[in-house]
């Protein structure tokens, strides 16, 4: 009867030793994994501020002023997109000095396009290249000595 008890005790010690080897091996691999992640993250350049910070800030402030001018208007542009065409409706375009419509696809700059606005309240622009997805349509114009900016996100 003693022999099976010793045999069972030997098996338990063997399992205990195997388990401890796996625990230690797992901790070592985990530490190597974390060390590799830290090494990769430290080497990555993640500068949040651009090298032209002040210039970028001035450009952004100009854009904010243009958006404020647009918000002060009685009527705002209406931009609609269907298939391969953009329609712009805006009564004040008759008084416009100059203007531009930009269609930007954030995920693919090859699909970005620009159009010159004319002094008509209703205008349509055919898109030469387009794919289904998110587009940022922005309209920038000047009128009576002030600059204006309007932007709309459209999903086709």
N, C-alpha and C. Protein backbone atom coordinates (compact mmCIF):
# COMPACT_ATOMS: atom_id res chain seq x y z
N UNK A 1 0.80 -1.19 0.00
CA UNK A 1 0.00 0.00 0.00
C UNK A 1 0.85 1.26 0.00
N UNK A 2 2.03 1.17 0.54
CA UNK A 2 2.93 2.31 0.59
C UNK A 2 3.40 2.70 -0.79
N UNK A 3 3.54 1.77 -1.62
CA UNK A 3 4.08 2.08 -2.94
C UNK A 3 3.15 2.99 -3.76
N UNK A 4 1.85 2.74 -3.83
CA UNK A 4 0.99 3.66 -4.58
C UNK A 4 1.01 5.07 -3.98
N UNK A 5 1.11 5.20 -2.67
CA UNK A 5 1.15 6.54 -2.05
C UNK A 5 2.41 7.26 -2.46
N UNK A 6 3.55 6.54 -2.46
CA UNK A 6 4.80 7.17 -2.88
C UNK A 6 4.73 7.52 -4.36
N UNK A 7 4.13 6.64 -5.16
CA UNK A 7 3.98 6.88 -6.58
C UNK A 7 3.12 8.14 -6.82
N UNK A 8 2.04 8.28 -6.05
CA UNK A 8 1.17 9.46 -6.17
C UNK A 8 1.91 10.71 -5.73
N UNK A 9 2.67 10.62 -4.67
CA UNK A 9 3.45 11.75 -4.18
C UNK A 9 4.50 12.17 -5.22
N UNK A 10 5.12 11.22 -5.86
CA UNK A 10 6.10 11.52 -6.90
C UNK A 10 5.46 12.21 -8.09
N UNK A 11 4.27 11.74 -8.45
CA UNK A 11 3.55 12.37 -9.57
C UNK A 11 3.17 13.81 -9.25
N UNK A 12 2.71 14.04 -8.01
CA UNK A 12 2.34 15.40 -7.61
C UNK A 12 3.55 16.32 -7.63
N UNK A 13 4.68 15.84 -7.14
CA UNK A 13 5.90 16.66 -7.18
C UNK A 13 6.30 16.97 -8.62
N UNK A 14 6.18 15.98 -9.48
CA UNK A 14 6.51 16.18 -10.89
C UNK A 14 5.59 17.23 -11.53
N UNK A 15 4.25 17.12 -11.26
CA UNK A 15 3.29 18.09 -11.78
C UNK A 15 3.55 19.48 -11.21
N UNK A 16 3.90 19.53 -9.93
CA UNK A 16 4.17 20.80 -9.27
C UNK A 16 5.40 21.46 -9.90
N UNK A 17 6.44 20.66 -10.16
CA UNK A 17 7.65 21.20 -10.80
C UNK A 17 7.35 21.66 -12.23
N UNK A 18 6.58 20.87 -12.99
CA UNK A 18 6.21 21.26 -14.35
C UNK A 18 5.40 22.56 -14.34
N UNK A 19 4.45 22.67 -13.42
CA UNK A 19 3.62 23.86 -13.33
C UNK A 19 4.49 25.08 -13.03
N UNK A 20 5.41 24.95 -12.12
CA UNK A 20 6.29 26.07 -11.76
C UNK A 20 7.17 26.48 -12.96
N UNK A 21 7.62 25.49 -13.74
CA UNK A 21 8.41 25.81 -14.93
C UNK A 21 7.59 26.63 -15.92
N UNK A 22 6.31 26.27 -16.11
CA UNK A 22 5.44 27.01 -17.03
C UNK A 22 5.14 28.41 -16.52
N UNK A 23 4.95 28.54 -15.22
CA UNK A 23 4.68 29.86 -14.64
C UNK A 23 5.89 30.77 -14.83
N UNK A 24 7.06 30.28 -14.53
CA UNK A 24 8.28 31.07 -14.68
C UNK A 24 8.53 31.40 -16.15
N UNK A 25 8.36 30.42 -17.03
CA UNK A 25 8.53 30.66 -18.47
C UNK A 25 7.54 31.72 -18.96
N UNK A 26 6.30 31.64 -18.51
CA UNK A 26 5.29 32.62 -18.90
C UNK A 26 5.67 34.02 -18.44
N UNK A 27 6.13 34.15 -17.21
CA UNK A 27 6.56 35.46 -16.71
C UNK A 27 7.74 36.01 -17.50
N UNK A 28 8.67 35.16 -17.86
CA UNK A 28 9.83 35.60 -18.64
C UNK A 28 9.39 36.10 -20.02
N UNK A 29 8.53 35.34 -20.70
CA UNK A 29 8.04 35.77 -22.01
C UNK A 29 7.20 37.05 -21.91
N UNK A 30 6.41 37.17 -20.87
CA UNK A 30 5.63 38.38 -20.68
C UNK A 30 6.55 39.59 -20.47
N UNK A 31 7.58 39.41 -19.66
CA UNK A 31 8.54 40.50 -19.43
C UNK A 31 9.26 40.88 -20.73
N UNK A 32 9.62 39.89 -21.54
CA UNK A 32 10.25 40.18 -22.83
C UNK A 32 9.29 40.93 -23.75
N UNK A 33 8.03 40.53 -23.74
CA UNK A 33 7.01 41.19 -24.56
C UNK A 33 6.86 42.65 -24.14
N UNK A 34 6.72 42.89 -22.85
CA UNK A 34 6.58 44.26 -22.34
C UNK A 34 7.83 45.07 -22.65
N UNK A 35 9.00 44.47 -22.46
CA UNK A 35 10.25 45.17 -22.78
C UNK A 35 10.33 45.55 -24.25
N UNK A 36 9.89 44.66 -25.14
CA UNK A 36 9.88 44.95 -26.57
C UNK A 36 8.91 46.10 -26.87
N UNK A 37 7.72 46.08 -26.27
CA UNK A 37 6.76 47.16 -26.47
C UNK A 37 7.32 48.50 -26.01
N UNK A 38 7.94 48.52 -24.85
CA UNK A 38 8.53 49.76 -24.34
C UNK A 38 9.62 50.25 -25.29
N UNK A 39 10.46 49.36 -25.75
CA UNK A 39 11.54 49.72 -26.68
C UNK A 39 10.98 50.33 -27.96
N UNK A 40 9.96 49.70 -28.54
CA UNK A 40 9.36 50.20 -29.79
C UNK A 40 8.69 51.55 -29.55
N UNK A 41 7.97 51.68 -28.45
CA UNK A 41 7.26 52.94 -28.17
C UNK A 41 8.22 54.09 -27.91
N UNK A 42 9.31 53.84 -27.25
CA UNK A 42 10.28 54.89 -26.95
C UNK A 42 10.97 55.37 -28.23
N UNK A 43 11.21 54.48 -29.17
CA UNK A 43 11.87 54.85 -30.42
C UNK A 43 10.94 55.59 -31.37
N UNK A 44 9.62 55.44 -31.22
CA UNK A 44 8.65 56.07 -32.13
C UNK A 44 8.57 57.57 -31.85
N UNK A 45 8.64 58.38 -32.92
CA UNK A 45 8.53 59.82 -32.79
C UNK A 45 7.05 60.20 -32.80
N UNK A 46 6.56 60.70 -31.68
CA UNK A 46 5.14 61.04 -31.58
C UNK A 46 4.98 62.50 -31.19
N UNK A 47 5.65 63.39 -31.86
CA UNK A 47 5.54 64.81 -31.57
C UNK A 47 4.13 65.28 -31.90
N UNK A 48 3.44 65.80 -30.90
CA UNK A 48 2.08 66.26 -31.11
C UNK A 48 2.05 67.68 -31.65
N UNK A 49 3.11 68.41 -31.48
CA UNK A 49 3.19 69.78 -31.95
C UNK A 49 4.04 69.80 -33.21
N UNK A 50 3.50 70.45 -34.24
CA UNK A 50 4.25 70.51 -35.50
C UNK A 50 5.44 71.45 -35.37
N UNK A 51 6.37 71.34 -36.29
CA UNK A 51 7.54 72.22 -36.26
C UNK A 51 7.16 73.65 -36.61
N UNK A 52 6.05 73.82 -37.35
CA UNK A 52 5.57 75.16 -37.71
C UNK A 52 4.36 75.52 -36.86
N UNK A 53 4.48 75.34 -35.57
CA UNK A 53 3.34 75.51 -34.66
C UNK A 53 2.73 76.90 -34.77
N UNK A 54 3.53 77.95 -34.72
CA UNK A 54 3.00 79.31 -34.73
C UNK A 54 2.33 79.64 -36.05
N UNK A 55 2.93 79.23 -37.15
CA UNK A 55 2.33 79.45 -38.46
C UNK A 55 1.01 78.70 -38.59
N UNK A 56 0.99 77.45 -38.13
CA UNK A 56 -0.24 76.65 -38.17
C UNK A 56 -1.33 77.29 -37.31
N UNK A 57 -0.96 77.83 -36.17
CA UNK A 57 -1.92 78.47 -35.27
C UNK A 57 -2.52 79.71 -35.92
N UNK A 58 -1.70 80.49 -36.62
CA UNK A 58 -2.22 81.68 -37.31
C UNK A 58 -3.19 81.29 -38.42
N UNK A 59 -2.85 80.25 -39.17
CA UNK A 59 -3.74 79.78 -40.24
C UNK A 59 -5.06 79.30 -39.64
N UNK A 60 -4.98 78.59 -38.53
CA UNK A 60 -6.18 78.09 -37.87
C UNK A 60 -7.05 79.25 -37.36
N UNK A 61 -6.42 80.28 -36.82
CA UNK A 61 -7.16 81.43 -36.33
C UNK A 61 -7.88 82.14 -37.48
N UNK A 62 -7.23 82.26 -38.63
CA UNK A 62 -7.87 82.87 -39.81
C UNK A 62 -9.09 82.05 -40.21
N UNK A 63 -8.96 80.73 -40.20
CA UNK A 63 -10.07 79.85 -40.56
C UNK A 63 -11.23 80.01 -39.57
N UNK A 64 -10.91 80.12 -38.28
CA UNK A 64 -11.95 80.32 -37.27
C UNK A 64 -12.68 81.65 -37.48
N UNK A 65 -11.94 82.69 -37.84
CA UNK A 65 -12.56 83.99 -38.11
C UNK A 65 -13.49 83.90 -39.32
N UNK A 66 -13.06 83.17 -40.34
CA UNK A 66 -13.89 82.99 -41.53
C UNK A 66 -15.17 82.22 -41.18
N UNK A 67 -15.07 81.21 -40.33
CA UNK A 67 -16.25 80.45 -39.91
C UNK A 67 -17.19 81.33 -39.08
N UNK A 68 -16.63 82.21 -38.26
CA UNK A 68 -17.45 83.13 -37.48
C UNK A 68 -18.20 84.09 -38.41
N UNK A 69 -17.51 84.58 -39.45
CA UNK A 69 -18.17 85.44 -40.44
C UNK A 69 -19.33 84.70 -41.10
N UNK A 70 -19.13 83.43 -41.42
CA UNK A 70 -20.19 82.63 -42.04
C UNK A 70 -21.36 82.45 -41.08
N UNK A 71 -21.07 82.24 -39.81
CA UNK A 71 -22.13 82.06 -38.82
C UNK A 71 -22.95 83.33 -38.66
N UNK A 72 -22.36 84.49 -38.92
CA UNK A 72 -23.06 85.77 -38.80
C UNK A 72 -23.99 86.06 -39.98
N UNK A 73 -23.87 85.30 -41.07
CA UNK A 73 -24.73 85.52 -42.24
C UNK A 73 -26.17 85.11 -41.94
N UNK A 74 -27.11 85.77 -42.61
CA UNK A 74 -28.53 85.41 -42.44
C UNK A 74 -28.82 84.04 -43.04
N UNK A 75 -28.29 83.79 -44.23
CA UNK A 75 -28.47 82.48 -44.85
C UNK A 75 -27.11 81.85 -45.11
N UNK A 76 -27.07 80.55 -44.98
CA UNK A 76 -25.81 79.82 -45.16
C UNK A 76 -25.91 78.96 -46.42
N UNK A 77 -24.77 78.56 -46.94
CA UNK A 77 -24.79 77.70 -48.14
C UNK A 77 -25.44 76.35 -47.84
N UNK A 78 -26.06 75.81 -48.86
CA UNK A 78 -26.60 74.45 -48.79
C UNK A 78 -25.81 73.63 -49.81
N UNK A 79 -25.16 72.59 -49.33
CA UNK A 79 -24.34 71.74 -50.19
C UNK A 79 -24.93 70.34 -50.17
N UNK A 80 -25.23 69.82 -51.35
CA UNK A 80 -25.76 68.46 -51.47
C UNK A 80 -24.89 67.68 -52.45
N UNK A 81 -24.79 66.39 -52.20
CA UNK A 81 -23.96 65.53 -53.05
C UNK A 81 -24.80 64.33 -53.48
N UNK A 82 -24.78 64.07 -54.78
CA UNK A 82 -25.50 62.91 -55.30
C UNK A 82 -24.67 62.28 -56.41
N UNK A 83 -24.47 60.98 -56.30
CA UNK A 83 -23.65 60.23 -57.27
C UNK A 83 -22.34 60.94 -57.53
N UNK A 84 -22.17 61.49 -58.72
CA UNK A 84 -20.90 62.12 -59.08
C UNK A 84 -21.07 63.62 -59.25
N UNK A 85 -21.92 64.23 -58.43
CA UNK A 85 -22.20 65.66 -58.60
C UNK A 85 -22.41 66.33 -57.25
N UNK A 86 -21.93 67.58 -57.14
CA UNK A 86 -22.14 68.40 -55.96
C UNK A 86 -22.97 69.60 -56.37
N UNK A 87 -24.03 69.86 -55.62
CA UNK A 87 -24.88 71.02 -55.88
C UNK A 87 -24.73 72.01 -54.74
N UNK A 88 -24.54 73.28 -55.09
CA UNK A 88 -24.40 74.35 -54.11
C UNK A 88 -25.53 75.34 -54.33
N UNK A 89 -26.26 75.66 -53.25
CA UNK A 89 -27.32 76.65 -53.27
C UNK A 89 -27.00 77.72 -52.23
N UNK A 90 -26.84 78.98 -52.70
CA UNK A 90 -26.50 80.06 -51.78
C UNK A 90 -26.79 81.39 -52.45
N UNK A 91 -27.81 82.08 -51.97
CA UNK A 91 -28.25 83.33 -52.59
C UNK A 91 -27.15 84.40 -52.59
N UNK A 92 -26.34 84.46 -51.56
CA UNK A 92 -25.33 85.51 -51.44
C UNK A 92 -24.17 85.36 -52.42
N UNK A 93 -24.11 84.25 -53.14
CA UNK A 93 -23.02 84.07 -54.11
C UNK A 93 -23.06 85.11 -55.22
N UNK A 94 -24.22 85.73 -55.42
CA UNK A 94 -24.31 86.78 -56.44
C UNK A 94 -23.42 87.98 -56.09
N UNK A 95 -23.18 88.19 -54.78
CA UNK A 95 -22.35 89.31 -54.31
C UNK A 95 -20.90 88.90 -54.07
N UNK A 96 -20.55 87.68 -54.40
CA UNK A 96 -19.22 87.13 -54.11
C UNK A 96 -18.16 87.77 -55.01
N UNK A 97 -16.97 88.02 -54.42
CA UNK A 97 -15.83 88.52 -55.19
C UNK A 97 -15.08 87.36 -55.84
N UNK A 98 -14.74 86.36 -55.03
CA UNK A 98 -14.07 85.15 -55.54
C UNK A 98 -14.37 84.03 -54.56
N UNK A 99 -14.25 82.80 -55.06
CA UNK A 99 -14.54 81.68 -54.19
C UNK A 99 -14.08 80.36 -54.75
N UNK A 100 -13.99 79.37 -53.85
CA UNK A 100 -13.52 78.05 -54.24
C UNK A 100 -14.27 76.99 -53.44
N UNK A 101 -14.55 75.88 -54.09
CA UNK A 101 -15.17 74.73 -53.46
C UNK A 101 -14.15 73.59 -53.50
N UNK A 102 -13.89 72.99 -52.35
CA UNK A 102 -12.96 71.87 -52.28
C UNK A 102 -13.70 70.63 -51.81
N UNK A 103 -13.41 69.54 -52.50
CA UNK A 103 -13.97 68.24 -52.12
C UNK A 103 -12.78 67.37 -51.73
N UNK A 104 -12.74 66.97 -50.46
CA UNK A 104 -11.59 66.19 -49.97
C UNK A 104 -12.08 64.86 -49.43
N UNK A 105 -11.37 63.82 -49.79
CA UNK A 105 -11.63 62.47 -49.25
C UNK A 105 -10.50 62.20 -48.25
N UNK A 106 -10.79 62.25 -46.93
CA UNK A 106 -9.72 62.10 -45.93
C UNK A 106 -8.90 60.82 -46.07
N UNK A 107 -9.50 59.75 -46.56
CA UNK A 107 -8.78 58.49 -46.63
C UNK A 107 -8.00 58.30 -47.94
N UNK A 108 -8.21 59.19 -48.92
CA UNK A 108 -7.54 59.02 -50.21
C UNK A 108 -7.41 60.38 -50.90
N UNK A 109 -6.26 61.00 -50.78
CA UNK A 109 -6.08 62.36 -51.33
C UNK A 109 -6.11 62.39 -52.85
N UNK A 110 -6.01 61.25 -53.51
CA UNK A 110 -6.11 61.22 -54.98
C UNK A 110 -7.50 61.63 -55.45
N UNK A 111 -8.50 61.51 -54.57
CA UNK A 111 -9.87 61.85 -54.92
C UNK A 111 -10.22 63.31 -54.60
N UNK A 112 -9.26 64.08 -54.06
CA UNK A 112 -9.49 65.48 -53.75
C UNK A 112 -9.64 66.28 -55.03
N UNK A 113 -10.58 67.24 -55.02
CA UNK A 113 -10.83 68.06 -56.20
C UNK A 113 -11.16 69.48 -55.77
N UNK A 114 -10.88 70.45 -56.67
CA UNK A 114 -11.17 71.87 -56.42
C UNK A 114 -11.97 72.43 -57.58
N UNK A 115 -12.89 73.34 -57.23
CA UNK A 115 -13.71 73.98 -58.25
C UNK A 115 -13.79 75.48 -57.94
N UNK A 116 -13.82 76.29 -58.98
CA UNK A 116 -13.94 77.73 -58.82
C UNK A 116 -15.43 78.08 -58.79
N UNK A 117 -15.83 78.89 -57.79
CA UNK A 117 -17.21 79.33 -57.68
C UNK A 117 -17.43 80.55 -58.58
N UNK A 118 -18.64 80.66 -59.11
CA UNK A 118 -19.00 81.82 -59.93
C UNK A 118 -20.17 82.54 -59.25
N UNK A 119 -20.53 83.70 -59.77
CA UNK A 119 -21.56 84.54 -59.15
C UNK A 119 -22.97 84.11 -59.53
N UNK A 120 -23.32 82.90 -59.17
CA UNK A 120 -24.67 82.39 -59.39
C UNK A 120 -25.14 81.69 -58.11
N UNK A 121 -26.40 81.86 -57.73
CA UNK A 121 -26.87 81.26 -56.48
C UNK A 121 -26.97 79.74 -56.51
N UNK A 122 -27.10 79.14 -57.71
CA UNK A 122 -27.17 77.69 -57.82
C UNK A 122 -26.07 77.22 -58.76
N UNK A 123 -25.25 76.28 -58.28
CA UNK A 123 -24.16 75.76 -59.09
C UNK A 123 -24.05 74.25 -58.90
N UNK A 124 -23.64 73.58 -59.95
CA UNK A 124 -23.43 72.13 -59.90
C UNK A 124 -22.04 71.83 -60.42
N UNK A 125 -21.38 70.87 -59.79
CA UNK A 125 -20.03 70.48 -60.16
C UNK A 125 -19.98 68.97 -60.32
N UNK A 126 -19.50 68.52 -61.47
CA UNK A 126 -19.33 67.09 -61.73
C UNK A 126 -18.00 66.64 -61.14
N UNK A 127 -18.03 65.53 -60.43
CA UNK A 127 -16.80 64.97 -59.86
C UNK A 127 -16.17 64.04 -60.89
N UNK A 128 -14.91 64.31 -61.24
CA UNK A 128 -14.22 63.47 -62.21
C UNK A 128 -13.91 62.09 -61.60
N UNK A 129 -13.53 62.09 -60.32
CA UNK A 129 -13.19 60.84 -59.63
C UNK A 129 -13.93 60.82 -58.30
N UNK A 130 -14.52 59.70 -57.97
CA UNK A 130 -15.17 59.56 -56.68
C UNK A 130 -15.39 58.09 -56.36
N UNK A 131 -15.50 57.81 -55.08
CA UNK A 131 -15.82 56.48 -54.57
C UNK A 131 -16.77 56.67 -53.39
N UNK A 132 -17.49 55.66 -53.05
CA UNK A 132 -18.38 55.75 -51.89
C UNK A 132 -17.54 55.94 -50.63
N UNK A 133 -18.04 56.76 -49.72
CA UNK A 133 -17.34 56.99 -48.46
C UNK A 133 -17.55 58.40 -47.95
N UNK A 134 -16.70 58.81 -47.00
CA UNK A 134 -16.78 60.11 -46.35
C UNK A 134 -16.03 61.16 -47.15
N UNK A 135 -16.67 62.32 -47.34
CA UNK A 135 -16.05 63.46 -48.02
C UNK A 135 -16.20 64.69 -47.16
N UNK A 136 -15.19 65.55 -47.18
CA UNK A 136 -15.22 66.84 -46.51
C UNK A 136 -15.33 67.89 -47.61
N UNK A 137 -16.48 68.52 -47.70
CA UNK A 137 -16.72 69.53 -48.72
C UNK A 137 -16.60 70.90 -48.05
N UNK A 138 -15.67 71.71 -48.51
CA UNK A 138 -15.47 73.03 -47.91
C UNK A 138 -15.60 74.10 -48.98
N UNK A 139 -16.16 75.20 -48.55
CA UNK A 139 -16.41 76.32 -49.44
C UNK A 139 -15.77 77.55 -48.82
N UNK A 140 -14.92 78.22 -49.58
CA UNK A 140 -14.23 79.40 -49.09
C UNK A 140 -14.45 80.51 -50.11
N UNK A 141 -14.90 81.69 -49.64
CA UNK A 141 -15.17 82.78 -50.55
C UNK A 141 -14.98 84.11 -49.84
N UNK A 142 -14.86 85.16 -50.64
CA UNK A 142 -14.78 86.51 -50.10
C UNK A 142 -15.90 87.34 -50.71
N UNK A 143 -16.42 88.24 -49.88
CA UNK A 143 -17.57 89.01 -50.30
C UNK A 143 -17.58 90.31 -49.50
N UNK A 144 -17.60 91.43 -50.18
CA UNK A 144 -17.66 92.74 -49.54
C UNK A 144 -16.55 92.94 -48.52
N UNK A 145 -15.33 92.52 -48.88
CA UNK A 145 -14.16 92.73 -48.03
C UNK A 145 -13.98 91.75 -46.88
N UNK A 146 -14.85 90.76 -46.76
CA UNK A 146 -14.72 89.76 -45.70
C UNK A 146 -14.52 88.39 -46.32
N UNK A 147 -13.80 87.53 -45.59
CA UNK A 147 -13.58 86.16 -46.03
C UNK A 147 -14.50 85.24 -45.24
N UNK A 148 -14.97 84.18 -45.92
CA UNK A 148 -15.92 83.24 -45.33
C UNK A 148 -15.45 81.81 -45.58
N UNK A 149 -15.85 80.92 -44.66
CA UNK A 149 -15.50 79.50 -44.79
C UNK A 149 -16.66 78.67 -44.27
N UNK A 150 -17.06 77.68 -45.05
CA UNK A 150 -18.13 76.77 -44.66
C UNK A 150 -17.69 75.35 -45.00
N UNK A 151 -17.96 74.42 -44.08
CA UNK A 151 -17.52 73.04 -44.29
C UNK A 151 -18.65 72.09 -43.91
N UNK A 152 -18.74 71.01 -44.69
CA UNK A 152 -19.76 70.01 -44.42
C UNK A 152 -19.19 68.62 -44.70
N UNK A 153 -19.48 67.69 -43.81
CA UNK A 153 -19.09 66.29 -44.01
C UNK A 153 -20.26 65.57 -44.67
N UNK A 154 -19.94 64.86 -45.75
CA UNK A 154 -20.98 64.14 -46.50
C UNK A 154 -20.52 62.70 -46.70
N UNK A 155 -21.43 61.77 -46.47
CA UNK A 155 -21.15 60.35 -46.73
C UNK A 155 -21.94 59.94 -47.96
N UNK A 156 -21.23 59.44 -48.96
CA UNK A 156 -21.90 58.97 -50.18
C UNK A 156 -22.00 57.47 -50.13
